[in-house]
Amino acid sequence: MRDNAITNKERLQHILEAISKINGFIYGQSKESFLNSDIIQNATLFQFAII
């Protein structure tokens, strides 16, 4: 194992943080407002990439 390798616990924490961020981005957004916002879409997709 490399010295800078991420642990399973750290990886799970990153996933939980990404889920929380996604929730924050889309909370209160209608489908239409989400689809009309490139910023919210891109931020959400980036967090899915982390997951």
C-alpha atoms as a PDB file:
ATOM      1  CA  MET A   1       0.000   0.000   0.000  1.00  0.00           C
ATOM      2  CA  ARG A   2       1.318   3.436  -0.888  1.00  0.00           C
ATOM      3  CA  ASP A   3       1.879   5.951   1.897  1.00  0.00           C
ATOM      4  CA  ASN A   4      -0.517   8.452   0.315  1.00  0.00           C
ATOM      5  CA  ALA A   5      -3.252   5.927  -0.466  1.00  0.00           C
ATOM      6  CA  ILE A   6      -6.711   6.881   0.728  1.00  0.00           C
ATOM      7  CA  THR A   7      -8.263   4.662   3.375  1.00  0.00           C
ATOM      8  CA  ASN A   8     -11.706   3.106   3.081  1.00  0.00           C
ATOM      9  CA  LYS A   9     -12.912   5.322   5.911  1.00  0.00           C
ATOM     10  CA  GLU A  10     -11.678   8.451   4.121  1.00  0.00           C
ATOM     11  CA  ARG A  11     -13.288   7.317   0.874  1.00  0.00           C
ATOM     12  CA  LEU A  12     -16.624   6.776   2.605  1.00  0.00           C
ATOM     13  CA  GLN A  13     -16.334  10.223   4.170  1.00  0.00           C
ATOM     14  CA  HIS A  14     -15.789  11.745   0.716  1.00  0.00           C
ATOM     15  CA  ILE A  15     -18.897   9.949  -0.554  1.00  0.00           C
ATOM     16  CA  LEU A  16     -20.988  11.202   2.362  1.00  0.00           C
ATOM     17  CA  GLU A  17     -19.722  14.749   1.823  1.00  0.00           C
ATOM     18  CA  ALA A  18     -20.556  14.548  -1.886  1.00  0.00           C
ATOM     19  CA  ILE A  19     -24.089  13.356  -1.105  1.00  0.00           C
ATOM     20  CA  SER A  20     -24.527  16.214   1.351  1.00  0.00           C
ATOM     21  CA  LYS A  21     -23.324  18.740  -1.232  1.00  0.00           C
ATOM     22  CA  ILE A  22     -25.679  17.348  -3.874  1.00  0.00           C
ATOM     23  CA  ASN A  23     -28.550  17.650  -1.429  1.00  0.00           C
ATOM     24  CA  GLY A  24     -27.588  21.265  -0.748  1.00  0.00           C
ATOM     25  CA  PHE A  25     -27.388  22.098  -4.442  1.00  0.00           C
ATOM     26  CA  ILE A  26     -30.783  20.675  -5.337  1.00  0.00           C
ATOM     27  CA  TYR A  27     -32.771  21.326  -2.156  1.00  0.00           C
ATOM     28  CA  GLY A  28     -35.722  23.559  -2.996  1.00  0.00           C
ATOM     29  CA  GLN A  29     -34.982  23.487  -6.719  1.00  0.00           C
ATOM     30  CA  SER A  30     -37.723  22.582  -9.137  1.00  0.00           C
ATOM     31  CA  LYS A  31     -36.892  20.290 -12.020  1.00  0.00           C
ATOM     32  CA  GLU A  32     -37.200  23.276 -14.346  1.00  0.00           C
ATOM     33  CA  SER A  33     -34.848  25.498 -12.328  1.00  0.00           C
ATOM     34  CA  PHE A  34     -32.318  22.659 -12.100  1.00  0.00           C
ATOM     35  CA  LEU A  35     -32.444  22.096 -15.851  1.00  0.00           C
ATOM     36  CA  ASN A  36     -32.051  25.826 -16.498  1.00  0.00           C
ATOM     37  CA  SER A  37     -28.950  26.181 -14.316  1.00  0.00           C
ATOM     38  CA  ASP A  38     -25.681  25.033 -15.845  1.00  0.00           C
ATOM     39  CA  ILE A  39     -23.884  25.862 -12.598  1.00  0.00           C
ATOM     40  CA  ILE A  40     -26.108  23.659 -10.434  1.00  0.00           C
ATOM     41  CA  GLN A  41     -26.018  20.842 -13.001  1.00  0.00           C
ATOM     42  CA  ASN A  42     -22.232  20.940 -13.265  1.00  0.00           C
ATOM     43  CA  ALA A  43     -21.722  21.132  -9.507  1.00  0.00           C
ATOM     44  CA  THR A  44     -24.066  18.180  -9.024  1.00  0.00           C
ATOM     45  CA  LEU A  45     -22.418  16.110 -11.753  1.00  0.00           C
ATOM     46  CA  PHE A  46     -18.978  16.795 -10.277  1.00  0.00           C
ATOM     47  CA  GLN A  47     -20.122  15.404  -6.932  1.00  0.00           C
ATOM     48  CA  PHE A  48     -21.504  12.304  -8.672  1.00  0.00           C
ATOM     49  CA  ALA A  49     -18.066  11.859 -10.237  1.00  0.00           C
ATOM     50  CA  ILE A  50     -16.576  11.877  -6.726  1.00  0.00           C
ATOM     51  CA  ILE A  51     -19.024   9.195  -5.672  1.00  0.00           C
END
